Structure formats: structure tokens, C-alpha cells
Amino acid sequence: MKKGIHPQYYPNAVVHCSCGNTFTVGSTQEEIHTDVCSACHPFFTGEQRIVDAAGQVERFLKRLERRDEILSEGPAEVAEQEQEKKAEVSAKKRARKPAKSAPAKAAEAAEA
């Protein structure tokens, strides 16, 4: 191995988990902080616990609630809601389009 290009290796690096568990491993970092370890991970503990890091579970549950609401409504109401959403999207697109400048209008007039 070449000298001076490898990071320092710590054979007794300490790992701290958010559940309070600590253990030692070999690593290139002296201390490691983690959210889940083998002592608290649902796969190893057998618990039915949801590990949610970025609110993904809440977003999924909201989508399920909206789906249930739509399914409980009639098909005519669902079609109306879809048309309203499409109208809102097209209005937003129209609002985002910049107005054409004078040189662009002149170029269009010259082409026609």
C-alpha cells in the first residue's frame, strides 16, 4: 500500500445510537452517531414499529385518506374535481409564461 494516502483507522471507534446503545467497531471515524442499530431496528427486535426519517409515513397516510374520500364520493363528483384541478394547473402555467418582448413580437410579425 502507498504511504500517506489512506485515512487514519480507529480500531476502537465508538458508535452511539439514538436508543442509547453504544458499541465499538473499527472505522475511519473516531465516533459515529446513528439513528437505528441492531438493538432497536424492527427487523431484529420483531416489533411492528415504523422508522420514519422524513415524514414519508404521514404523507402516505394522507394520500390514503384522500383516496378513501374520493372512493366514497360518486364518479360525477370525482370527474368535477379532476376538471377543477386541470383548470388550476393550466391557469398556473398561463400565469408563469412571460409576456413577449417587443423584438419577439416584431420577429413574429415579420414571419407572418
N, C-alpha and C. Protein backbone atom coordinates (compact mmCIF):
# COMPACT_ATOMS: atom_id res chain seq x y z
N MET A 1 0.84 -1.18 0.00
CA MET A 1 0.00 0.00 0.00
C MET A 1 0.89 1.25 0.00
N LYS A 2 0.40 2.29 -0.66
CA LYS A 2 1.15 3.54 -0.69
C LYS A 2 1.04 4.24 0.67
N LYS A 3 2.08 4.91 1.02
CA LYS A 3 2.10 5.64 2.28
C LYS A 3 1.47 7.01 2.10
N GLY A 4 0.72 7.48 3.12
CA GLY A 4 0.21 8.84 3.16
C GLY A 4 -1.08 9.10 2.38
N ILE A 5 -1.69 8.08 1.77
CA ILE A 5 -2.93 8.35 1.02
C ILE A 5 -4.17 7.76 1.70
N HIS A 6 -3.96 6.94 2.73
CA HIS A 6 -5.09 6.29 3.39
C HIS A 6 -5.50 7.04 4.65
N PRO A 7 -6.80 7.07 4.96
CA PRO A 7 -7.23 7.76 6.18
C PRO A 7 -6.80 6.98 7.42
N GLN A 8 -6.77 7.66 8.54
CA GLN A 8 -6.39 7.00 9.79
C GLN A 8 -7.49 6.02 10.18
N TYR A 9 -7.08 4.84 10.65
CA TYR A 9 -8.02 3.80 11.05
C TYR A 9 -8.09 3.74 12.56
N TYR A 10 -9.31 3.76 13.11
CA TYR A 10 -9.53 3.68 14.54
C TYR A 10 -10.12 2.31 14.85
N PRO A 11 -9.35 1.39 15.44
CA PRO A 11 -9.86 0.04 15.71
C PRO A 11 -10.91 0.01 16.81
N ASN A 12 -10.98 1.03 17.65
CA ASN A 12 -11.96 1.07 18.74
C ASN A 12 -12.87 2.29 18.61
N ALA A 13 -13.44 2.49 17.44
CA ALA A 13 -14.36 3.61 17.23
C ALA A 13 -15.67 3.31 17.97
N VAL A 14 -16.24 4.33 18.58
CA VAL A 14 -17.46 4.16 19.37
C VAL A 14 -18.66 4.58 18.53
N VAL A 15 -19.68 3.71 18.52
CA VAL A 15 -20.93 4.00 17.81
C VAL A 15 -22.00 4.31 18.85
N HIS A 16 -22.66 5.48 18.69
CA HIS A 16 -23.74 5.89 19.60
C HIS A 16 -25.05 5.85 18.82
N CYS A 17 -26.02 5.10 19.32
CA CYS A 17 -27.34 5.03 18.68
C CYS A 17 -28.30 5.95 19.40
N SER A 18 -29.36 6.36 18.72
CA SER A 18 -30.35 7.25 19.33
C SER A 18 -31.14 6.55 20.43
N CYS A 19 -31.13 5.21 20.45
CA CYS A 19 -31.84 4.47 21.50
C CYS A 19 -31.02 4.40 22.78
N GLY A 20 -29.74 4.83 22.74
CA GLY A 20 -28.89 4.81 23.92
C GLY A 20 -27.85 3.71 23.88
N ASN A 21 -27.93 2.82 22.94
CA ASN A 21 -26.98 1.72 22.81
C ASN A 21 -25.65 2.24 22.28
N THR A 22 -24.55 1.75 22.85
CA THR A 22 -23.22 2.09 22.34
C THR A 22 -22.42 0.80 22.17
N PHE A 23 -21.57 0.77 21.15
CA PHE A 23 -20.69 -0.36 20.92
C PHE A 23 -19.48 0.11 20.14
N THR A 24 -18.46 -0.75 20.06
CA THR A 24 -17.22 -0.36 19.38
C THR A 24 -17.06 -1.18 18.10
N VAL A 25 -16.53 -0.50 17.09
CA VAL A 25 -16.24 -1.12 15.80
C VAL A 25 -14.94 -0.52 15.28
N GLY A 26 -14.42 -1.06 14.19
CA GLY A 26 -13.28 -0.47 13.53
C GLY A 26 -13.78 0.47 12.44
N SER A 27 -13.24 1.70 12.38
CA SER A 27 -13.73 2.67 11.42
C SER A 27 -12.66 3.73 11.16
N THR A 28 -12.93 4.54 10.15
CA THR A 28 -12.04 5.68 9.86
C THR A 28 -12.50 6.93 10.60
N GLN A 29 -13.58 6.82 11.37
CA GLN A 29 -14.05 7.92 12.22
C GLN A 29 -13.95 7.49 13.67
N GLU A 30 -13.63 8.45 14.54
CA GLU A 30 -13.49 8.11 15.96
C GLU A 30 -14.84 7.83 16.61
N GLU A 31 -15.84 8.64 16.28
CA GLU A 31 -17.19 8.49 16.84
C GLU A 31 -18.20 8.49 15.72
N ILE A 32 -19.21 7.62 15.85
CA ILE A 32 -20.27 7.53 14.85
C ILE A 32 -21.60 7.65 15.58
N HIS A 33 -22.49 8.49 15.09
CA HIS A 33 -23.83 8.65 15.65
C HIS A 33 -24.83 8.13 14.62
N THR A 34 -25.70 7.21 15.05
CA THR A 34 -26.67 6.62 14.14
C THR A 34 -28.07 6.66 14.73
N ASP A 35 -29.08 6.56 13.87
CA ASP A 35 -30.48 6.59 14.32
C ASP A 35 -30.99 5.23 14.72
N VAL A 36 -30.52 4.18 14.03
CA VAL A 36 -31.04 2.84 14.26
C VAL A 36 -29.87 1.87 14.33
N CYS A 37 -29.93 0.96 15.30
CA CYS A 37 -28.90 -0.08 15.40
C CYS A 37 -29.58 -1.44 15.51
N SER A 38 -28.78 -2.50 15.67
CA SER A 38 -29.37 -3.84 15.74
C SER A 38 -30.18 -4.05 17.01
N ALA A 39 -29.96 -3.23 18.04
CA ALA A 39 -30.71 -3.37 19.28
C ALA A 39 -32.11 -2.76 19.17
N CYS A 40 -32.30 -1.81 18.24
CA CYS A 40 -33.61 -1.15 18.16
C CYS A 40 -34.27 -1.26 16.79
N HIS A 41 -33.61 -1.87 15.81
CA HIS A 41 -34.19 -1.98 14.47
C HIS A 41 -35.35 -2.98 14.49
N PRO A 42 -36.48 -2.65 13.85
CA PRO A 42 -37.65 -3.53 13.87
C PRO A 42 -37.39 -4.93 13.33
N PHE A 43 -36.48 -5.08 12.38
CA PHE A 43 -36.21 -6.41 11.82
C PHE A 43 -35.60 -7.33 12.88
N PHE A 44 -34.69 -6.79 13.68
CA PHE A 44 -34.01 -7.60 14.67
C PHE A 44 -34.82 -7.76 15.96
N THR A 45 -35.64 -6.78 16.30
CA THR A 45 -36.40 -6.85 17.55
C THR A 45 -37.74 -7.56 17.38
N GLY A 46 -38.25 -7.62 16.15
CA GLY A 46 -39.54 -8.26 15.92
C GLY A 46 -40.71 -7.34 16.20
N GLU A 47 -40.44 -6.09 16.53
CA GLU A 47 -41.51 -5.11 16.79
C GLU A 47 -42.13 -4.65 15.49
N GLN A 48 -43.37 -4.22 15.58
CA GLN A 48 -44.03 -3.61 14.41
C GLN A 48 -43.95 -2.10 14.61
N ARG A 49 -42.76 -1.56 14.41
CA ARG A 49 -42.52 -0.13 14.62
C ARG A 49 -42.12 0.47 13.29
N ILE A 50 -42.59 1.67 13.01
CA ILE A 50 -42.29 2.34 11.76
C ILE A 50 -41.15 3.33 12.00
N VAL A 51 -40.07 3.17 11.25
CA VAL A 51 -38.95 4.09 11.33
C VAL A 51 -39.16 5.13 10.24
N ASP A 52 -39.44 6.37 10.65
CA ASP A 52 -39.76 7.42 9.70
C ASP A 52 -38.76 8.55 9.85
N ALA A 53 -38.00 8.80 8.80
CA ALA A 53 -36.95 9.81 8.88
C ALA A 53 -37.38 11.15 8.32
N ALA A 54 -38.26 11.17 7.32
CA ALA A 54 -38.56 12.43 6.65
C ALA A 54 -40.05 12.67 6.49
N GLY A 55 -40.89 12.10 7.35
CA GLY A 55 -42.32 12.33 7.26
C GLY A 55 -43.00 11.59 6.12
N GLN A 56 -42.35 10.55 5.61
CA GLN A 56 -42.92 9.82 4.48
C GLN A 56 -44.16 9.05 4.88
N VAL A 57 -44.20 8.55 6.10
CA VAL A 57 -45.36 7.78 6.54
C VAL A 57 -46.59 8.68 6.61
N GLU A 58 -46.42 9.90 7.14
CA GLU A 58 -47.55 10.82 7.23
C GLU A 58 -48.08 11.18 5.85
N ARG A 59 -47.18 11.43 4.90
CA ARG A 59 -47.62 11.75 3.54
C ARG A 59 -48.38 10.59 2.93
N PHE A 60 -47.90 9.36 3.16
CA PHE A 60 -48.58 8.19 2.62
C PHE A 60 -49.97 8.05 3.24
N LEU A 61 -50.09 8.25 4.55
CA LEU A 61 -51.39 8.14 5.20
C LEU A 61 -52.36 9.22 4.71
N LYS A 62 -51.85 10.43 4.45
CA LYS A 62 -52.70 11.49 3.89
C LYS A 62 -53.22 11.10 2.52
N ARG A 63 -52.34 10.50 1.70
CA ARG A 63 -52.77 10.05 0.37
C ARG A 63 -53.85 8.99 0.47
N LEU A 64 -53.70 8.07 1.43
CA LEU A 64 -54.71 7.03 1.62
C LEU A 64 -56.05 7.64 2.04
N GLU A 65 -56.01 8.64 2.92
CA GLU A 65 -57.25 9.31 3.34
C GLU A 65 -57.93 9.99 2.17
N ARG A 66 -57.14 10.69 1.33
CA ARG A 66 -57.73 11.35 0.15
C ARG A 66 -58.34 10.32 -0.79
N ARG A 67 -57.65 9.18 -0.96
CA ARG A 67 -58.16 8.13 -1.83
C ARG A 67 -59.49 7.60 -1.30
N ASP A 68 -59.58 7.38 0.01
CA ASP A 68 -60.82 6.89 0.60
C ASP A 68 -61.95 7.89 0.42
N GLU A 69 -61.63 9.19 0.55
CA GLU A 69 -62.66 10.22 0.35
C GLU A 69 -63.17 10.20 -1.09
N ILE A 70 -62.25 10.07 -2.02
CA ILE A 70 -62.63 10.05 -3.43
C ILE A 70 -63.47 8.82 -3.74
N LEU A 71 -63.08 7.68 -3.18
CA LEU A 71 -63.84 6.45 -3.44
C LEU A 71 -65.23 6.50 -2.81
N SER A 72 -65.37 7.23 -1.70
CA SER A 72 -66.68 7.32 -1.06
C SER A 72 -67.62 8.27 -1.81
N GLU A 73 -67.03 9.20 -2.59
CA GLU A 73 -67.85 10.11 -3.39
C GLU A 73 -68.28 9.41 -4.67
N GLY A 74 -69.22 10.00 -5.36
CA GLY A 74 -69.70 9.43 -6.62
C GLY A 74 -68.76 9.74 -7.76
N PRO A 75 -68.87 9.00 -8.89
CA PRO A 75 -67.99 9.23 -10.03
C PRO A 75 -68.14 10.62 -10.65
N ALA A 76 -69.34 11.20 -10.60
CA ALA A 76 -69.55 12.53 -11.17
C ALA A 76 -68.77 13.58 -10.39
N GLU A 77 -68.78 13.44 -9.06
CA GLU A 77 -68.05 14.41 -8.23
C GLU A 77 -66.55 14.29 -8.46
N VAL A 78 -66.06 13.08 -8.64
CA VAL A 78 -64.64 12.87 -8.89
C VAL A 78 -64.24 13.52 -10.22
N ALA A 79 -65.08 13.37 -11.25
CA ALA A 79 -64.79 13.97 -12.55
C ALA A 79 -64.75 15.49 -12.44
N GLU A 80 -65.67 16.07 -11.66
CA GLU A 80 -65.68 17.52 -11.46
C GLU A 80 -64.40 17.98 -10.79
N GLN A 81 -63.96 17.25 -9.76
CA GLN A 81 -62.74 17.62 -9.05
C GLN A 81 -61.52 17.55 -9.97
N GLU A 82 -61.47 16.53 -10.83
CA GLU A 82 -60.35 16.41 -11.76
C GLU A 82 -60.33 17.58 -12.75
N GLN A 83 -61.52 17.98 -13.22
CA GLN A 83 -61.58 19.11 -14.14
C GLN A 83 -61.13 20.40 -13.45
N GLU A 84 -61.52 20.57 -12.18
CA GLU A 84 -61.10 21.76 -11.44
C GLU A 84 -59.58 21.79 -11.27
N LYS A 85 -58.99 20.63 -10.96
CA LYS A 85 -57.54 20.56 -10.80
C LYS A 85 -56.83 20.89 -12.10
N LYS A 86 -57.34 20.36 -13.22
CA LYS A 86 -56.74 20.64 -14.52
C LYS A 86 -56.83 22.12 -14.85
N ALA A 87 -57.97 22.74 -14.52
CA ALA A 87 -58.13 24.17 -14.77
C ALA A 87 -57.14 24.98 -13.94
N GLU A 88 -56.93 24.58 -12.68
CA GLU A 88 -55.98 25.28 -11.82
C GLU A 88 -54.56 25.17 -12.37
N VAL A 89 -54.20 23.97 -12.82
CA VAL A 89 -52.85 23.75 -13.36
C VAL A 89 -52.64 24.59 -14.61
N SER A 90 -53.62 24.61 -15.51
CA SER A 90 -53.46 25.39 -16.73
C SER A 90 -53.40 26.89 -16.42
N ALA A 91 -54.17 27.33 -15.41
CA ALA A 91 -54.11 28.74 -15.03
C ALA A 91 -52.73 29.09 -14.48
N LYS A 92 -52.13 28.18 -13.71
CA LYS A 92 -50.79 28.42 -13.17
C LYS A 92 -49.76 28.48 -14.29
N LYS A 93 -49.92 27.60 -15.29
CA LYS A 93 -48.99 27.60 -16.41
C LYS A 93 -49.09 28.91 -17.19
N ARG A 94 -50.33 29.36 -17.40
CA ARG A 94 -50.50 30.63 -18.12
C ARG A 94 -49.91 31.79 -17.35
N ALA A 95 -50.04 31.75 -16.04
CA ALA A 95 -49.51 32.83 -15.20
C ALA A 95 -47.98 32.85 -15.22
N ARG A 96 -47.35 31.68 -15.41
CA ARG A 96 -45.89 31.61 -15.40
C ARG A 96 -45.26 32.05 -16.71
N LYS A 97 -46.00 32.01 -17.82
CA LYS A 97 -45.43 32.38 -19.11
C LYS A 97 -45.12 33.87 -19.14
N PRO A 98 -43.90 34.23 -19.49
CA PRO A 98 -43.56 35.65 -19.55
C PRO A 98 -44.19 36.30 -20.78
N ALA A 99 -44.47 37.57 -20.66
CA ALA A 99 -45.03 38.32 -21.80
C ALA A 99 -43.94 38.46 -22.86
N LYS A 100 -44.35 38.43 -24.13
CA LYS A 100 -43.37 38.53 -25.21
C LYS A 100 -42.86 39.96 -25.30
N SER A 101 -41.57 40.07 -25.54
CA SER A 101 -40.96 41.39 -25.65
C SER A 101 -41.22 41.97 -27.04
N ALA A 102 -40.96 43.24 -27.21
CA ALA A 102 -41.20 43.92 -28.48
C ALA A 102 -40.39 43.29 -29.63
N PRO A 103 -39.11 42.95 -29.45
CA PRO A 103 -38.37 42.32 -30.55
C PRO A 103 -38.97 40.98 -30.97
N ALA A 104 -39.48 40.22 -30.00
CA ALA A 104 -40.08 38.92 -30.32
C ALA A 104 -41.37 39.12 -31.13
N LYS A 105 -42.16 40.13 -30.76
CA LYS A 105 -43.40 40.41 -31.49
C LYS A 105 -43.07 40.87 -32.91
N ALA A 106 -42.03 41.67 -33.07
CA ALA A 106 -41.63 42.14 -34.39
C ALA A 106 -41.16 40.97 -35.25
N ALA A 107 -40.44 40.04 -34.66
CA ALA A 107 -39.97 38.88 -35.40
C ALA A 107 -41.14 38.02 -35.86
N GLU A 108 -42.16 37.87 -35.01
CA GLU A 108 -43.34 37.09 -35.38
C GLU A 108 -44.09 37.79 -36.52
N ALA A 109 -44.18 39.10 -36.45
CA ALA A 109 -44.89 39.86 -37.48
C ALA A 109 -44.14 39.76 -38.83
N ALA A 110 -42.83 39.73 -38.78
CA ALA A 110 -42.03 39.63 -40.00
C ALA A 110 -42.18 38.25 -40.64
N GLU A 111 -42.35 37.21 -39.82
CA GLU A 111 -42.54 35.86 -40.34
C GLU A 111 -43.89 35.69 -41.00
N ALA A 112 -44.90 36.38 -40.50
CA ALA A 112 -46.27 36.20 -41.00
C ALA A 112 -46.52 36.97 -42.25
